[in-house]
Amino acid sequence: MTAPTPREETAAGDSTSTKGFSVASVPPRVWVALGLLVVAVVFVAQNRDVTEIQLLFISLTAPLWGTLAVSVCVGLAIGLLLRPSERRKRKGSKR
């Protein structure tokens, strides 16, 4: 009698078999991230034109998608810098 191969053991219904991939096991945040990635790729593909940027006395050319991405990052940084600190939130909730 020969020992069964791993394939034969899993076919026989062994409970130690590895779990298969399930779409339901993917967290919603991963789906949102994938959706945003697709939107970002389409955005870059459609906005490859070069645009001229002027700021005070500086003038330069850059891709439109890069200019908009930098603008979003600057807005995000401003939002993060202007949000209330954790100490202020805790102090306000004690009152």
PDB file of N, CA and C in Angstrom:
ATOM      1  N   MET A   1       0.846  -1.172   0.000  1.00  0.00           N
ATOM      2  CA  MET A   1       0.000   0.000   0.000  1.00  0.00           C
ATOM      3  C   MET A   1       0.889   1.231   0.000  1.00  0.00           C
ATOM      4  N   THR A   2       0.582   2.211  -0.866  1.00  0.00           N
ATOM      5  CA  THR A   2       1.384   3.430  -0.957  1.00  0.00           C
ATOM      6  C   THR A   2       0.672   4.567  -0.243  1.00  0.00           C
ATOM      7  N   ALA A   3       1.473   5.556   0.172  1.00  0.00           N
ATOM      8  CA  ALA A   3       0.898   6.720   0.862  1.00  0.00           C
ATOM      9  C   ALA A   3       0.170   7.591  -0.152  1.00  0.00           C
ATOM     10  N   PRO A   4      -0.979   8.142   0.250  1.00  0.00           N
ATOM     11  CA  PRO A   4      -1.725   8.981  -0.695  1.00  0.00           C
ATOM     12  C   PRO A   4      -0.999  10.304  -0.934  1.00  0.00           C
ATOM     13  N   THR A   5      -1.120  10.810  -2.137  1.00  0.00           N
ATOM     14  CA  THR A   5      -0.514  12.104  -2.463  1.00  0.00           C
ATOM     15  C   THR A   5      -1.373  13.227  -1.877  1.00  0.00           C
ATOM     16  N   PRO A   6      -0.813  14.405  -1.712  1.00  0.00           N
ATOM     17  CA  PRO A   6      -1.593  15.516  -1.160  1.00  0.00           C
ATOM     18  C   PRO A   6      -2.857  15.812  -1.960  1.00  0.00           C
ATOM     19  N   ARG A   7      -2.794  15.640  -3.264  1.00  0.00           N
ATOM     20  CA  ARG A   7      -3.974  15.887  -4.099  1.00  0.00           C
ATOM     21  C   ARG A   7      -5.073  14.883  -3.765  1.00  0.00           C
ATOM     22  N   GLU A   8      -4.703  13.629  -3.519  1.00  0.00           N
ATOM     23  CA  GLU A   8      -5.690  12.605  -3.183  1.00  0.00           C
ATOM     24  C   GLU A   8      -6.297  12.877  -1.808  1.00  0.00           C
ATOM     25  N   GLU A   9      -5.499  13.385  -0.871  1.00  0.00           N
ATOM     26  CA  GLU A   9      -6.015  13.660   0.466  1.00  0.00           C
ATOM     27  C   GLU A   9      -7.060  14.774   0.429  1.00  0.00           C
ATOM     28  N   THR A  10      -6.794  15.851  -0.308  1.00  0.00           N
ATOM     29  CA  THR A  10      -7.760  16.947  -0.366  1.00  0.00           C
ATOM     30  C   THR A  10      -8.998  16.529  -1.135  1.00  0.00           C
ATOM     31  N   ALA A  11      -8.854  15.672  -2.118  1.00  0.00           N
ATOM     32  CA  ALA A  11     -10.008  15.193  -2.854  1.00  0.00           C
ATOM     33  C   ALA A  11     -10.888  14.310  -1.973  1.00  0.00           C
ATOM     34  N   ALA A  12     -10.281  13.654  -0.997  1.00  0.00           N
ATOM     35  CA  ALA A  12     -11.032  12.778  -0.107  1.00  0.00           C
ATOM     36  C   ALA A  12     -11.780  13.565   0.956  1.00  0.00           C
ATOM     37  N   GLY A  13     -11.641  14.916   0.991  1.00  0.00           N
ATOM     38  CA  GLY A  13     -12.370  15.718   1.954  1.00  0.00           C
ATOM     39  C   GLY A  13     -11.605  15.974   3.230  1.00  0.00           C
ATOM     40  N   ASP A  14     -10.286  15.979   3.178  1.00  0.00           N
ATOM     41  CA  ASP A  14      -9.482  16.269   4.358  1.00  0.00           C
ATOM     42  C   ASP A  14      -9.747  17.700   4.804  1.00  0.00           C
ATOM     43  N   SER A  15      -9.948  17.936   6.087  1.00  0.00           N
ATOM     44  CA  SER A  15     -10.298  19.260   6.600  1.00  0.00           C
ATOM     45  C   SER A  15      -9.090  20.187   6.662  1.00  0.00           C
ATOM     46  N   THR A  16      -7.882  19.703   6.424  1.00  0.00           N
ATOM     47  CA  THR A  16      -6.691  20.554   6.480  1.00  0.00           C
ATOM     48  C   THR A  16      -6.365  21.183   5.132  1.00  0.00           C
ATOM     49  N   SER A  17      -7.276  21.072   4.149  1.00  0.00           N
ATOM     50  CA  SER A  17      -6.993  21.657   2.842  1.00  0.00           C
ATOM     51  C   SER A  17      -7.000  23.181   2.938  1.00  0.00           C
ATOM     52  N   THR A  18      -6.269  23.813   2.031  1.00  0.00           N
ATOM     53  CA  THR A  18      -6.184  25.272   2.051  1.00  0.00           C
ATOM     54  C   THR A  18      -7.475  25.870   1.517  1.00  0.00           C
ATOM     55  N   LYS A  19      -7.817  27.050   2.037  1.00  0.00           N
ATOM     56  CA  LYS A  19      -9.042  27.716   1.603  1.00  0.00           C
ATOM     57  C   LYS A  19      -8.814  28.370   0.249  1.00  0.00           C
ATOM     58  N   GLY A  20      -9.826  28.378  -0.571  1.00  0.00           N
ATOM     59  CA  GLY A  20      -9.739  29.030  -1.871  1.00  0.00           C
ATOM     60  C   GLY A  20     -10.052  30.512  -1.743  1.00  0.00           C
ATOM     61  N   PHE A  21      -9.756  31.254  -2.791  1.00  0.00           N
ATOM     62  CA  PHE A  21     -10.022  32.682  -2.815  1.00  0.00           C
ATOM     63  C   PHE A  21     -11.510  32.922  -2.964  1.00  0.00           C
ATOM     64  N   SER A  22     -12.034  33.852  -2.195  1.00  0.00           N
ATOM     65  CA  SER A  22     -13.435  34.199  -2.274  1.00  0.00           C
ATOM     66  C   SER A  22     -13.565  35.712  -2.409  1.00  0.00           C
ATOM     67  N   VAL A  23     -14.394  36.156  -3.333  1.00  0.00           N
ATOM     68  CA  VAL A  23     -14.601  37.588  -3.531  1.00  0.00           C
ATOM     69  C   VAL A  23     -15.204  38.200  -2.268  1.00  0.00           C
ATOM     70  N   ALA A  24     -16.028  37.466  -1.565  1.00  0.00           N
ATOM     71  CA  ALA A  24     -16.663  37.973  -0.345  1.00  0.00           C
ATOM     72  C   ALA A  24     -15.652  38.186   0.778  1.00  0.00           C
ATOM     73  N   SER A  25     -14.492  37.552   0.702  1.00  0.00           N
ATOM     74  CA  SER A  25     -13.503  37.694   1.769  1.00  0.00           C
ATOM     75  C   SER A  25     -12.657  38.966   1.625  1.00  0.00           C
ATOM     76  N   VAL A  26     -12.815  39.686   0.514  1.00  0.00           N
ATOM     77  CA  VAL A  26     -12.061  40.921   0.305  1.00  0.00           C
ATOM     78  C   VAL A  26     -12.775  42.056   1.038  1.00  0.00           C
ATOM     79  N   PRO A  27     -12.054  42.798   1.898  1.00  0.00           N
ATOM     80  CA  PRO A  27     -12.695  43.887   2.648  1.00  0.00           C
ATOM     81  C   PRO A  27     -13.178  45.005   1.720  1.00  0.00           C
ATOM     82  N   PRO A  28     -14.233  45.724   2.116  1.00  0.00           N
ATOM     83  CA  PRO A  28     -14.763  46.800   1.272  1.00  0.00           C
ATOM     84  C   PRO A  28     -13.739  47.893   0.976  1.00  0.00           C
ATOM     85  N   ARG A  29     -12.837  48.169   1.915  1.00  0.00           N
ATOM     86  CA  ARG A  29     -11.844  49.225   1.681  1.00  0.00           C
ATOM     87  C   ARG A  29     -10.920  48.861   0.523  1.00  0.00           C
ATOM     88  N   VAL A  30     -10.687  47.584   0.292  1.00  0.00           N
ATOM     89  CA  VAL A  30      -9.864  47.154  -0.848  1.00  0.00           C
ATOM     90  C   VAL A  30     -10.612  47.421  -2.153  1.00  0.00           C
ATOM     91  N   TRP A  31     -11.920  47.162  -2.174  1.00  0.00           N
ATOM     92  CA  TRP A  31     -12.715  47.436  -3.367  1.00  0.00           C
ATOM     93  C   TRP A  31     -12.740  48.933  -3.670  1.00  0.00           C
ATOM     94  N   VAL A  32     -12.880  49.751  -2.622  1.00  0.00           N
ATOM     95  CA  VAL A  32     -12.867  51.208  -2.808  1.00  0.00           C
ATOM     96  C   VAL A  32     -11.511  51.644  -3.349  1.00  0.00           C
ATOM     97  N   ALA A  33     -10.432  51.108  -2.789  1.00  0.00           N
ATOM     98  CA  ALA A  33      -9.087  51.456  -3.260  1.00  0.00           C
ATOM     99  C   ALA A  33      -8.899  51.052  -4.721  1.00  0.00           C
ATOM    100  N   LEU A  34      -9.366  49.874  -5.092  1.00  0.00           N
ATOM    101  CA  LEU A  34      -9.246  49.436  -6.488  1.00  0.00           C
ATOM    102  C   LEU A  34     -10.059  50.328  -7.418  1.00  0.00           C
ATOM    103  N   GLY A  35     -11.242  50.727  -6.977  1.00  0.00           N
ATOM    104  CA  GLY A  35     -12.067  51.636  -7.774  1.00  0.00           C
ATOM    105  C   GLY A  35     -11.395  52.981  -7.972  1.00  0.00           C
ATOM    106  N   LEU A  36     -10.816  53.516  -6.891  1.00  0.00           N
ATOM    107  CA  LEU A  36     -10.102  54.786  -6.992  1.00  0.00           C
ATOM    108  C   LEU A  36      -8.869  54.667  -7.882  1.00  0.00           C
ATOM    109  N   LEU A  37      -8.208  53.527  -7.836  1.00  0.00           N
ATOM    110  CA  LEU A  37      -7.050  53.302  -8.697  1.00  0.00           C
ATOM    111  C   LEU A  37      -7.456  53.319 -10.171  1.00  0.00           C
ATOM    112  N   VAL A  38      -8.564  52.673 -10.490  1.00  0.00           N
ATOM    113  CA  VAL A  38      -9.054  52.662 -11.875  1.00  0.00           C
ATOM    114  C   VAL A  38      -9.394  54.082 -12.327  1.00  0.00           C
ATOM    115  N   VAL A  39     -10.076  54.847 -11.453  1.00  0.00           N
ATOM    116  CA  VAL A  39     -10.419  56.229 -11.787  1.00  0.00           C
ATOM    117  C   VAL A  39      -9.152  57.055 -12.004  1.00  0.00           C
ATOM    118  N   ALA A  40      -8.140  56.855 -11.154  1.00  0.00           N
ATOM    119  CA  ALA A  40      -6.889  57.605 -11.285  1.00  0.00           C
ATOM    120  C   ALA A  40      -6.180  57.269 -12.595  1.00  0.00           C
ATOM    121  N   VAL A  41      -6.154  56.005 -12.977  1.00  0.00           N
ATOM    122  CA  VAL A  41      -5.494  55.603 -14.225  1.00  0.00           C
ATOM    123  C   VAL A  41      -6.222  56.207 -15.429  1.00  0.00           C
ATOM    124  N   VAL A  42      -7.553  56.173 -15.407  1.00  0.00           N
ATOM    125  CA  VAL A  42      -8.324  56.768 -16.500  1.00  0.00           C
ATOM    126  C   VAL A  42      -8.091  58.276 -16.544  1.00  0.00           C
ATOM    127  N   PHE A  43      -8.045  58.918 -15.379  1.00  0.00           N
ATOM    128  CA  PHE A  43      -7.800  60.359 -15.284  1.00  0.00           C
ATOM    129  C   PHE A  43      -6.457  60.724 -15.903  1.00  0.00           C
ATOM    130  N   VAL A  44      -5.417  59.991 -15.564  1.00  0.00           N
ATOM    131  CA  VAL A  44      -4.079  60.269 -16.109  1.00  0.00           C
ATOM    132  C   VAL A  44      -4.073  60.032 -17.613  1.00  0.00           C
ATOM    133  N   ALA A  45      -4.723  58.967 -18.067  1.00  0.00           N
ATOM    134  CA  ALA A  45      -4.732  58.654 -19.497  1.00  0.00           C
ATOM    135  C   ALA A  45      -5.441  59.739 -20.307  1.00  0.00           C
ATOM    136  N   GLN A  46      -6.463  60.361 -19.735  1.00  0.00           N
ATOM    137  CA  GLN A  46      -7.219  61.366 -20.464  1.00  0.00           C
ATOM    138  C   GLN A  46      -6.654  62.778 -20.325  1.00  0.00           C
ATOM    139  N   ASN A  47      -5.740  63.011 -19.392  1.00  0.00           N
ATOM    140  CA  ASN A  47      -5.219  64.352 -19.141  1.00  0.00           C
ATOM    141  C   ASN A  47      -3.703  64.404 -19.291  1.00  0.00           C
ATOM    142  N   ARG A  48      -3.219  63.954 -20.432  1.00  0.00           N
ATOM    143  CA  ARG A  48      -1.787  63.936 -20.673  1.00  0.00           C
ATOM    144  C   ARG A  48      -1.289  65.202 -21.354  1.00  0.00           C
ATOM    145  N   ASP A  49      -2.179  66.119 -21.670  1.00  0.00           N
ATOM    146  CA  ASP A  49      -1.773  67.360 -22.334  1.00  0.00           C
ATOM    147  C   ASP A  49      -0.854  68.176 -21.425  1.00  0.00           C
ATOM    148  N   VAL A  50       0.021  68.956 -22.056  1.00  0.00           N
ATOM    149  CA  VAL A  50       0.930  69.827 -21.316  1.00  0.00           C
ATOM    150  C   VAL A  50       0.234  71.166 -21.114  1.00  0.00           C
ATOM    151  N   THR A  51       0.363  71.718 -19.932  1.00  0.00           N
ATOM    152  CA  THR A  51      -0.235  73.008 -19.623  1.00  0.00           C
ATOM    153  C   THR A  51       0.818  73.943 -19.037  1.00  0.00           C
ATOM    154  N   GLU A  52       0.582  75.239 -19.161  1.00  0.00           N
ATOM    155  CA  GLU A  52       1.510  76.222 -18.620  1.00  0.00           C
ATOM    156  C   GLU A  52       0.999  76.677 -17.256  1.00  0.00           C
ATOM    157  N   ILE A  53       1.897  76.710 -16.288  1.00  0.00           N
ATOM    158  CA  ILE A  53       1.561  77.097 -14.922  1.00  0.00           C
ATOM    159  C   ILE A  53       2.325  78.370 -14.597  1.00  0.00           C
ATOM    160  N   GLN A  54       1.619  79.349 -14.038  1.00  0.00           N
ATOM    161  CA  GLN A  54       2.268  80.590 -13.634  1.00  0.00           C
ATOM    162  C   GLN A  54       1.968  80.837 -12.165  1.00  0.00           C
ATOM    163  N   LEU A  55       3.011  81.086 -11.401  1.00  0.00           N
ATOM    164  CA  LEU A  55       2.893  81.414  -9.984  1.00  0.00           C
ATOM    165  C   LEU A  55       3.836  82.575  -9.702  1.00  0.00           C
ATOM    166  N   LEU A  56       3.258  83.742  -9.477  1.00  0.00           N
ATOM    167  CA  LEU A  56       4.006  84.988  -9.292  1.00  0.00           C
ATOM    168  C   LEU A  56       4.920  85.228 -10.494  1.00  0.00           C
ATOM    169  N   PHE A  57       6.214  85.101 -10.324  1.00  0.00           N
ATOM    170  CA  PHE A  57       7.144  85.374 -11.422  1.00  0.00           C
ATOM    171  C   PHE A  57       7.671  84.104 -12.075  1.00  0.00           C
ATOM    172  N   ILE A  58       7.181  82.965 -11.661  1.00  0.00           N
ATOM    173  CA  ILE A  58       7.655  81.679 -12.179  1.00  0.00           C
ATOM    174  C   ILE A  58       6.649  81.156 -13.199  1.00  0.00           C
ATOM    175  N   SER A  59       7.154  80.676 -14.319  1.00  0.00           N
ATOM    176  CA  SER A  59       6.313  80.081 -15.343  1.00  0.00           C
ATOM    177  C   SER A  59       6.961  78.776 -15.788  1.00  0.00           C
ATOM    178  N   LEU A  60       6.184  77.707 -15.798  1.00  0.00           N
ATOM    179  CA  LEU A  60       6.710  76.417 -16.245  1.00  0.00           C
ATOM    180  C   LEU A  60       5.617  75.618 -16.904  1.00  0.00           C
ATOM    181  N   THR A  61       6.004  74.589 -17.626  1.00  0.00           N
ATOM    182  CA  THR A  61       5.037  73.699 -18.262  1.00  0.00           C
ATOM    183  C   THR A  61       5.107  72.333 -17.597  1.00  0.00           C
ATOM    184  N   ALA A  62       3.937  71.721 -17.468  1.00  0.00           N
ATOM    185  CA  ALA A  62       3.851  70.406 -16.825  1.00  0.00           C
ATOM    186  C   ALA A  62       2.605  69.699 -17.350  1.00  0.00           C
ATOM    187  N   PRO A  63       2.552  68.385 -17.224  1.00  0.00           N
ATOM    188  CA  PRO A  63       1.341  67.666 -17.629  1.00  0.00           C
ATOM    189  C   PRO A  63       0.152  68.101 -16.756  1.00  0.00           C
ATOM    190  N   LEU A  64      -1.012  68.162 -17.371  1.00  0.00           N
ATOM    191  CA  LEU A  64      -2.203  68.597 -16.659  1.00  0.00           C
ATOM    192  C   LEU A  64      -2.504  67.690 -15.469  1.00  0.00           C
ATOM    193  N   TRP A  65      -2.351  66.370 -15.636  1.00  0.00           N
ATOM    194  CA  TRP A  65      -2.655  65.451 -14.538  1.00  0.00           C
ATOM    195  C   TRP A  65      -1.711  65.682 -13.362  1.00  0.00           C
ATOM    196  N   GLY A  66      -0.463  65.992 -13.633  1.00  0.00           N
ATOM    197  CA  GLY A  66       0.493  66.254 -12.558  1.00  0.00           C
ATOM    198  C   GLY A  66       0.162  67.533 -11.816  1.00  0.00           C
ATOM    199  N   THR A  67      -0.242  68.546 -12.575  1.00  0.00           N
ATOM    200  CA  THR A  67      -0.630  69.815 -11.964  1.00  0.00           C
ATOM    201  C   THR A  67      -1.834  69.631 -11.048  1.00  0.00           C
ATOM    202  N   LEU A  68      -2.827  68.909 -11.521  1.00  0.00           N
ATOM    203  CA  LEU A  68      -4.019  68.676 -10.698  1.00  0.00           C
ATOM    204  C   LEU A  68      -3.702  67.801  -9.488  1.00  0.00           C
ATOM    205  N   ALA A  69      -2.829  66.823  -9.654  1.00  0.00           N
ATOM    206  CA  ALA A  69      -2.455  65.958  -8.528  1.00  0.00           C
ATOM    207  C   ALA A  69      -1.729  66.751  -7.450  1.00  0.00           C
ATOM    208  N   VAL A  70      -0.845  67.652  -7.865  1.00  0.00           N
ATOM    209  CA  VAL A  70      -0.144  68.505  -6.897  1.00  0.00           C
ATOM    210  C   VAL A  70      -1.139  69.411  -6.181  1.00  0.00           C
ATOM    211  N   SER A  71      -2.113  69.940  -6.905  1.00  0.00           N
ATOM    212  CA  SER A  71      -3.131  70.792  -6.290  1.00  0.00           C
ATOM    213  C   SER A  71      -3.945  70.028  -5.247  1.00  0.00           C
ATOM    214  N   VAL A  72      -4.298  68.790  -5.549  1.00  0.00           N
ATOM    215  CA  VAL A  72      -5.038  67.969  -4.584  1.00  0.00           C
ATOM    216  C   VAL A  72      -4.183  67.701  -3.351  1.00  0.00           C
ATOM    217  N   CYS A  73      -2.904  67.403  -3.538  1.00  0.00           N
ATOM    218  CA  CYS A  73      -2.012  67.140  -2.400  1.00  0.00           C
ATOM    219  C   CYS A  73      -1.844  68.389  -1.528  1.00  0.00           C
ATOM    220  N   VAL A  74      -1.738  69.560  -2.155  1.00  0.00           N
ATOM    221  CA  VAL A  74      -1.636  70.803  -1.386  1.00  0.00           C
ATOM    222  C   VAL A  74      -2.926  71.022  -0.589  1.00  0.00           C
ATOM    223  N   GLY A  75      -4.071  70.786  -1.201  1.00  0.00           N
ATOM    224  CA  GLY A  75      -5.346  70.921  -0.493  1.00  0.00           C
ATOM    225  C   GLY A  75      -5.464  69.939   0.655  1.00  0.00           C
ATOM    226  N   LEU A  76      -5.005  68.715   0.469  1.00  0.00           N
ATOM    227  CA  LEU A  76      -5.015  67.717   1.532  1.00  0.00           C
ATOM    228  C   LEU A  76      -4.119  68.142   2.686  1.00  0.00           C
ATOM    229  N   ALA A  77      -2.948  68.658   2.375  1.00  0.00           N
ATOM    230  CA  ALA A  77      -2.022  69.116   3.417  1.00  0.00           C
ATOM    231  C   ALA A  77      -2.632  70.274   4.207  1.00  0.00           C
ATOM    232  N   ILE A  78      -3.275  71.206   3.517  1.00  0.00           N
ATOM    233  CA  ILE A  78      -3.919  72.325   4.204  1.00  0.00           C
ATOM    234  C   ILE A  78      -5.026  71.810   5.115  1.00  0.00           C
ATOM    235  N   GLY A  79      -5.829  70.882   4.629  1.00  0.00           N
ATOM    236  CA  GLY A  79      -6.899  70.310   5.449  1.00  0.00           C
ATOM    237  C   GLY A  79      -6.370  69.605   6.682  1.00  0.00           C
ATOM    238  N   LEU A  80      -5.281  68.859   6.530  1.00  0.00           N
ATOM    239  CA  LEU A  80      -4.703  68.157   7.680  1.00  0.00           C
ATOM    240  C   LEU A  80      -4.100  69.129   8.687  1.00  0.00           C
ATOM    241  N   LEU A  81      -3.504  70.203   8.197  1.00  0.00           N
ATOM    242  CA  LEU A  81      -2.898  71.184   9.100  1.00  0.00           C
ATOM    243  C   LEU A  81      -3.946  72.004   9.848  1.00  0.00           C
ATOM    244  N   LEU A  82      -5.104  72.193   9.268  1.00  0.00           N
ATOM    245  CA  LEU A  82      -6.127  73.034   9.883  1.00  0.00           C
ATOM    246  C   LEU A  82      -7.143  72.279  10.731  1.00  0.00           C
ATOM    247  N   ARG A  83      -7.073  70.966  10.763  1.00  0.00           N
ATOM    248  CA  ARG A  83      -8.039  70.225  11.577  1.00  0.00           C
ATOM    249  C   ARG A  83      -7.674  70.356  13.053  1.00  0.00           C
ATOM    250  N   PRO A  84      -8.665  70.238  13.936  1.00  0.00           N
ATOM    251  CA  PRO A  84      -8.389  70.382  15.371  1.00  0.00           C
ATOM    252  C   PRO A  84      -7.472  69.273  15.875  1.00  0.00           C
ATOM    253  N   SER A  85      -6.653  69.621  16.851  1.00  0.00           N
ATOM    254  CA  SER A  85      -5.740  68.635  17.409  1.00  0.00           C
ATOM    255  C   SER A  85      -6.504  67.677  18.326  1.00  0.00           C
ATOM    256  N   GLU A  86      -5.885  66.562  18.662  1.00  0.00           N
ATOM    257  CA  GLU A  86      -6.515  65.576  19.554  1.00  0.00           C
ATOM    258  C   GLU A  86      -6.738  66.156  20.948  1.00  0.00           C
ATOM    259  N   ARG A  87      -5.792  66.972  21.426  1.00  0.00           N
ATOM    260  CA  ARG A  87      -5.955  67.580  22.754  1.00  0.00           C
ATOM    261  C   ARG A  87      -7.173  68.490  22.778  1.00  0.00           C
ATOM    262  N   ARG A  88      -7.363  69.252  21.727  1.00  0.00           N
ATOM    263  CA  ARG A  88      -8.499  70.160  21.668  1.00  0.00           C
ATOM    264  C   ARG A  88      -9.819  69.380  21.617  1.00  0.00           C
ATOM    265  N   LYS A  89      -9.838  68.251  20.919  1.00  0.00           N
ATOM    266  CA  LYS A  89     -11.035  67.431  20.855  1.00  0.00           C
ATOM    267  C   LYS A  89     -11.369  66.870  22.234  1.00  0.00           C
ATOM    268  N   ARG A  90     -10.353  66.365  22.954  1.00  0.00           N
ATOM    269  CA  ARG A  90     -10.590  65.795  24.288  1.00  0.00           C
ATOM    270  C   ARG A  90     -11.020  66.872  25.274  1.00  0.00           C
ATOM    271  N   LYS A  91     -10.407  68.039  25.192  1.00  0.00           N
ATOM    272  CA  LYS A  91     -10.737  69.119  26.110  1.00  0.00           C
ATOM    273  C   LYS A  91     -12.181  69.579  25.885  1.00  0.00           C
ATOM    274  N   GLY A  92     -12.622  69.640  24.645  1.00  0.00           N
ATOM    275  CA  GLY A  92     -13.983  70.057  24.322  1.00  0.00           C
ATOM    276  C   GLY A  92     -15.016  69.038  24.753  1.00  0.00           C
ATOM    277  N   SER A  93     -14.677  67.754  24.754  1.00  0.00           N
ATOM    278  CA  SER A  93     -15.643  66.727  25.131  1.00  0.00           C
ATOM    279  C   SER A  93     -15.802  66.604  26.647  1.00  0.00           C
ATOM    280  N   LYS A  94     -14.861  67.127  27.423  1.00  0.00           N
ATOM    281  CA  LYS A  94     -14.952  67.058  28.882  1.00  0.00           C
ATOM    282  C   LYS A  94     -15.963  68.079  29.424  1.00  0.00           C
ATOM    283  N   ARG A  95     -16.201  69.141  28.674  1.00  0.00           N
ATOM    284  CA  ARG A  95     -17.096  70.201  29.150  1.00  0.00           C
ATOM    285  C   ARG A  95     -18.524  69.817  29.095  1.00  0.00           C
TER     286      ARG A  95
END
